[in-house]
Amino acid sequence: MKKTGLSFNSRKALTVNLGEAAGTEIANLIQRLSSEIEELRRTKVSITRIVPNGECVTSSDA
């Protein structure tokens, strides 16, 4: 399994420069975001739109 999150040196730099509480909070936030991104990548599904009669789709979300 791939390790996500920050290295020890990155965590240490955050705590030294921002303080223990703020550095730990930001490091934990980055860890959670990284895990969520990995989850989204793992469960991503490709979608192929099917347009009946060869109609051209011009909506902005297509």
Foldseek 3Di string as FASTA:
>chain_A
DDDDFDDPVQLVVQCVVPNPVRSVVVRVVRRVVRVVVVVCVVPDDDDDDDDPPPDDDDDPVD
